[in-house]
Amino acid sequence: MNQNTPRTHWVSIRFTETDLQDLSAQASQAGLSRSELIRRRALRRPVISRTDVNTAERIDQLGRLFKHLYPKDKGWAGPEDRRKFWRVLEDLQRAAQALRRGPPCSPRSSP
């Protein structure tokens, strides 16, 4: 549903006080309102925690920094060592993507 589409129908749900507090904590952790959290879960849409998004951004940042460490001199290592270097970058990309719960990264051929 588009964010601009007006929501015109109401659904009532009863919760215990404990369940409501738990739901509020989960919504807060995900950075969503309780209504949006319930809506996403009911419609089987992903609920991504802010912590996961922040962690994925930090992993991406580490990957970019790590990439700058790749030596420009071709004689620094053999082909296997260069492949290991790039595999680490690919692993960082996959970890960040998994935290975002997106489609897996497409495998890239190693140098």
Protein backbone atom coordinates (compact mmCIF):
# COMPACT_ATOMS: atom_id res chain seq x y z
CA MET A 1 0.00 0.00 0.00
CA ASN A 2 1.28 3.43 -0.85
CA GLN A 3 2.00 5.68 2.14
CA ASN A 4 -0.30 8.36 0.65
CA THR A 5 -3.29 6.03 0.33
CA PRO A 6 -5.75 6.87 3.09
CA ARG A 7 -6.53 4.10 5.53
CA THR A 8 -10.28 4.06 5.90
CA HIS A 9 -10.98 0.76 7.67
CA TRP A 10 -10.50 0.01 11.35
CA VAL A 11 -9.72 -3.35 12.94
CA SER A 12 -9.93 -3.77 16.71
CA ILE A 13 -7.65 -6.13 18.58
CA ARG A 14 -7.56 -6.85 22.30
CA PHE A 15 -4.25 -7.34 24.09
CA THR A 16 -3.26 -8.03 27.65
CA GLU A 17 -1.21 -5.31 29.32
CA THR A 18 1.89 -7.50 29.06
CA ASP A 19 1.33 -8.20 25.35
CA LEU A 20 0.78 -4.50 24.68
CA GLN A 21 4.01 -3.57 26.46
CA ASP A 22 5.88 -6.24 24.52
CA LEU A 23 4.39 -5.01 21.25
CA SER A 24 5.33 -1.42 22.10
CA ALA A 25 8.92 -2.49 22.83
CA GLN A 26 9.15 -4.37 19.53
CA ALA A 27 7.75 -1.40 17.61
CA SER A 28 10.18 0.94 19.32
CA GLN A 29 13.11 -1.32 18.51
CA ALA A 30 12.05 -1.43 14.86
CA GLY A 31 11.45 2.33 14.77
CA LEU A 32 7.78 1.89 13.88
CA SER A 33 4.47 2.77 15.45
CA ARG A 34 2.52 -0.08 17.01
CA SER A 35 -0.06 0.20 14.24
CA GLU A 36 2.57 -0.03 11.51
CA LEU A 37 4.21 -3.02 13.21
CA ILE A 38 0.87 -4.85 13.45
CA ARG A 39 0.01 -3.91 9.86
CA ARG A 40 3.34 -5.22 8.52
CA ARG A 41 3.09 -8.46 10.45
CA ALA A 42 -0.52 -9.04 9.45
CA LEU A 43 0.31 -8.47 5.78
CA ARG A 44 3.52 -10.54 6.01
CA ARG A 45 5.75 -7.62 5.13
CA PRO A 46 9.28 -7.47 6.52
CA VAL A 47 9.93 -5.77 9.84
CA ILE A 48 13.56 -4.69 9.92
CA SER A 49 15.05 -3.55 13.18
CA ARG A 50 16.84 -0.20 13.24
CA THR A 51 19.74 -2.05 14.84
CA ASP A 52 20.01 -4.34 11.82
CA VAL A 53 19.93 -1.40 9.41
CA ASN A 54 22.59 0.48 11.40
CA THR A 55 24.77 -2.62 11.61
CA ALA A 56 24.41 -3.22 7.86
CA GLU A 57 25.49 0.37 7.19
CA ARG A 58 28.55 -0.07 9.41
CA ILE A 59 29.47 -3.33 7.64
CA ASP A 60 29.19 -1.54 4.28
CA GLN A 61 31.42 1.21 5.60
CA LEU A 62 34.01 -1.34 6.75
CA GLY A 63 33.91 -2.95 3.32
CA ARG A 64 34.56 0.39 1.63
CA LEU A 65 37.47 1.08 3.98
CA PHE A 66 38.85 -2.43 3.47
CA LYS A 67 38.68 -1.98 -0.31
CA HIS A 68 41.05 0.98 -0.04
CA LEU A 69 43.65 -1.29 1.56
CA TYR A 70 43.92 -3.36 -1.63
CA PRO A 71 47.53 -2.82 -2.78
CA LYS A 72 47.98 -1.21 -6.18
CA ASP A 73 51.20 -3.20 -6.74
CA LYS A 74 50.34 -6.41 -8.60
CA GLY A 75 53.35 -8.23 -7.14
CA TRP A 76 52.13 -8.04 -3.53
CA ALA A 77 50.56 -11.49 -3.54
CA GLY A 78 49.68 -14.48 -5.63
CA PRO A 79 46.31 -15.07 -7.31
CA GLU A 80 44.98 -17.11 -4.36
CA ASP A 81 45.73 -14.33 -1.86
CA ARG A 82 44.02 -11.77 -4.11
CA ARG A 83 40.95 -14.05 -4.33
CA LYS A 84 40.89 -14.35 -0.53
CA PHE A 85 40.99 -10.57 -0.22
CA TRP A 86 37.99 -10.13 -2.52
CA ARG A 87 36.12 -13.00 -0.83
CA VAL A 88 36.29 -11.07 2.43
CA LEU A 89 34.66 -8.09 0.71
CA GLU A 90 31.96 -10.32 -0.78
CA ASP A 91 31.32 -11.87 2.65
CA LEU A 92 30.90 -8.39 4.13
CA GLN A 93 28.41 -7.51 1.38
CA ARG A 94 26.43 -10.71 1.98
CA ALA A 95 26.36 -10.09 5.74
CA ALA A 96 25.06 -6.54 5.26
CA GLN A 97 22.44 -7.75 2.77
CA ALA A 98 21.31 -10.52 5.12
CA LEU A 99 20.78 -7.96 7.88
CA ARG A 100 18.65 -5.92 5.52
CA ARG A 101 16.75 -9.14 4.67
CA GLY A 102 17.00 -8.37 0.98
CA PRO A 103 17.71 -10.73 -1.86
CA PRO A 104 21.14 -12.35 -1.62
CA CYS A 105 24.04 -10.67 -3.37
CA SER A 106 24.74 -12.04 -6.79
CA PRO A 107 27.99 -13.96 -6.81
CA ARG A 108 30.78 -12.11 -8.54
CA SER A 109 33.72 -13.88 -10.07
CA SER A 110 36.88 -13.45 -8.04
CA PRO A 111 39.92 -11.86 -9.67
